[in-house]
Amino acid sequence: MDIGAPELIIVLVVVLLLFGPGRISSVAREVGEGIRKFREGMQSSEPEAQEK
């Protein structure tokens, strides 16, 4: 299940229409922070899972 260029372009156009050009940077920043926190949470739980 690969995402090609046409699908990616369609998704980007829909995001642009939904959020507008000014809001996209803040949405991308929030998504990045969420991913970073998720990764940190996964890394901090790995030692606990290995101890059990």
N, C-alpha and C. Protein backbone atom coordinates (compact mmCIF):
# COMPACT_ATOMS: atom_id res chain seq x y z
N MET A 1 0.84 -1.18 0.00
CA MET A 1 0.00 0.00 0.00
C MET A 1 0.88 1.24 0.00
N ASP A 2 1.32 1.62 -1.17
CA ASP A 2 2.19 2.79 -1.32
C ASP A 2 1.37 4.03 -1.64
N ILE A 3 1.82 5.15 -1.12
CA ILE A 3 1.20 6.43 -1.43
C ILE A 3 2.03 7.08 -2.52
N GLY A 4 1.41 7.32 -3.64
CA GLY A 4 2.10 7.93 -4.77
C GLY A 4 1.99 9.44 -4.75
N ALA A 5 2.59 10.05 -5.74
CA ALA A 5 2.58 11.51 -5.85
C ALA A 5 1.17 12.07 -6.03
N PRO A 6 0.33 11.47 -6.88
CA PRO A 6 -1.03 12.04 -7.03
C PRO A 6 -1.83 12.03 -5.73
N GLU A 7 -1.73 10.95 -4.97
CA GLU A 7 -2.46 10.88 -3.71
C GLU A 7 -1.94 11.91 -2.71
N LEU A 8 -0.63 12.08 -2.67
CA LEU A 8 -0.02 13.05 -1.76
C LEU A 8 -0.45 14.46 -2.12
N ILE A 9 -0.51 14.78 -3.39
CA ILE A 9 -0.94 16.10 -3.84
C ILE A 9 -2.39 16.36 -3.45
N ILE A 10 -3.24 15.35 -3.62
CA ILE A 10 -4.65 15.50 -3.25
C ILE A 10 -4.78 15.76 -1.76
N VAL A 11 -4.06 15.03 -0.94
CA VAL A 11 -4.10 15.23 0.50
C VAL A 11 -3.63 16.63 0.88
N LEU A 12 -2.56 17.08 0.27
CA LEU A 12 -2.04 18.42 0.58
C LEU A 12 -3.03 19.51 0.17
N VAL A 13 -3.69 19.35 -0.96
CA VAL A 13 -4.69 20.34 -1.39
C VAL A 13 -5.87 20.37 -0.41
N VAL A 14 -6.32 19.21 0.03
CA VAL A 14 -7.43 19.15 0.98
C VAL A 14 -7.04 19.81 2.30
N VAL A 15 -5.85 19.55 2.78
CA VAL A 15 -5.37 20.18 4.02
C VAL A 15 -5.30 21.69 3.85
N LEU A 16 -4.82 22.15 2.70
CA LEU A 16 -4.74 23.58 2.44
C LEU A 16 -6.13 24.21 2.44
N LEU A 17 -7.09 23.53 1.85
CA LEU A 17 -8.46 24.06 1.82
C LEU A 17 -9.10 24.07 3.20
N LEU A 18 -8.81 23.06 4.02
CA LEU A 18 -9.42 22.98 5.35
C LEU A 18 -8.84 24.00 6.32
N PHE A 19 -7.54 24.15 6.34
CA PHE A 19 -6.89 24.96 7.36
C PHE A 19 -6.45 26.33 6.86
N GLY A 20 -6.27 26.51 5.59
CA GLY A 20 -5.78 27.78 5.06
C GLY A 20 -4.27 27.88 5.18
N PRO A 21 -3.68 28.76 4.41
CA PRO A 21 -2.21 28.84 4.38
C PRO A 21 -1.59 29.33 5.68
N GLY A 22 -2.28 30.15 6.44
CA GLY A 22 -1.69 30.69 7.67
C GLY A 22 -1.68 29.70 8.82
N ARG A 23 -2.62 28.78 8.82
CA ARG A 23 -2.78 27.85 9.94
C ARG A 23 -1.97 26.57 9.76
N ILE A 24 -1.52 26.29 8.55
CA ILE A 24 -0.82 25.02 8.28
C ILE A 24 0.46 24.91 9.10
N SER A 25 1.20 25.99 9.26
CA SER A 25 2.46 25.90 10.02
C SER A 25 2.21 25.55 11.48
N SER A 26 1.18 26.13 12.07
CA SER A 26 0.91 25.82 13.47
C SER A 26 0.36 24.40 13.62
N VAL A 27 -0.43 23.94 12.67
CA VAL A 27 -0.93 22.56 12.72
C VAL A 27 0.23 21.58 12.59
N ALA A 28 1.16 21.86 11.67
CA ALA A 28 2.31 20.98 11.49
C ALA A 28 3.17 20.96 12.75
N ARG A 29 3.32 22.10 13.40
CA ARG A 29 4.11 22.16 14.64
C ARG A 29 3.45 21.33 15.74
N GLU A 30 2.13 21.44 15.85
CA GLU A 30 1.41 20.67 16.88
C GLU A 30 1.51 19.17 16.61
N VAL A 31 1.41 18.79 15.36
CA VAL A 31 1.53 17.37 15.01
C VAL A 31 2.94 16.87 15.34
N GLY A 32 3.95 17.67 15.02
CA GLY A 32 5.33 17.30 15.33
C GLY A 32 5.57 17.14 16.82
N GLU A 33 5.01 18.04 17.61
CA GLU A 33 5.15 17.93 19.07
C GLU A 33 4.45 16.68 19.60
N GLY A 34 3.30 16.38 19.03
CA GLY A 34 2.58 15.17 19.45
C GLY A 34 3.35 13.91 19.14
N ILE A 35 3.95 13.86 17.95
CA ILE A 35 4.75 12.69 17.56
C ILE A 35 5.97 12.57 18.47
N ARG A 36 6.60 13.71 18.77
CA ARG A 36 7.79 13.68 19.64
C ARG A 36 7.43 13.18 21.03
N LYS A 37 6.32 13.64 21.58
CA LYS A 37 5.90 13.19 22.91
C LYS A 37 5.55 11.71 22.90
N PHE A 38 4.93 11.26 21.82
CA PHE A 38 4.60 9.84 21.70
C PHE A 38 5.86 8.99 21.69
N ARG A 39 6.86 9.40 20.92
CA ARG A 39 8.12 8.65 20.86
C ARG A 39 8.81 8.63 22.22
N GLU A 40 8.82 9.78 22.90
CA GLU A 40 9.43 9.83 24.23
C GLU A 40 8.71 8.90 25.20
N GLY A 41 7.40 8.86 25.10
CA GLY A 41 6.62 7.96 25.95
C GLY A 41 6.91 6.51 25.65
N MET A 42 7.08 6.18 24.39
CA MET A 42 7.38 4.80 24.02
C MET A 42 8.78 4.40 24.49
N GLN A 43 9.73 5.32 24.40
CA GLN A 43 11.09 5.02 24.83
C GLN A 43 11.17 4.87 26.35
N SER A 44 10.41 5.66 27.07
CA SER A 44 10.47 5.58 28.52
C SER A 44 9.77 4.33 29.04
N SER A 45 8.85 3.76 28.26
CA SER A 45 8.14 2.56 28.71
C SER A 45 8.88 1.28 28.31
N GLU A 46 9.85 1.36 27.43
CA GLU A 46 10.56 0.15 27.00
C GLU A 46 11.33 -0.53 28.14
N PRO A 47 12.08 0.20 28.99
CA PRO A 47 12.77 -0.49 30.08
C PRO A 47 11.82 -1.18 31.05
N GLU A 48 10.66 -0.60 31.27
CA GLU A 48 9.69 -1.22 32.17
C GLU A 48 9.16 -2.52 31.56
N ALA A 49 8.97 -2.54 30.26
CA ALA A 49 8.47 -3.74 29.60
C ALA A 49 9.53 -4.84 29.60
N GLN A 50 10.81 -4.46 29.53
CA GLN A 50 11.87 -5.45 29.51
C GLN A 50 12.08 -6.05 30.90
N GLU A 51 11.76 -5.33 31.96
CA GLU A 51 11.96 -5.85 33.32
C GLU A 51 10.96 -6.94 33.67
N LYS A 52 9.79 -6.90 33.08
CA LYS A 52 8.73 -7.86 33.42
C LYS A 52 8.97 -9.20 32.82
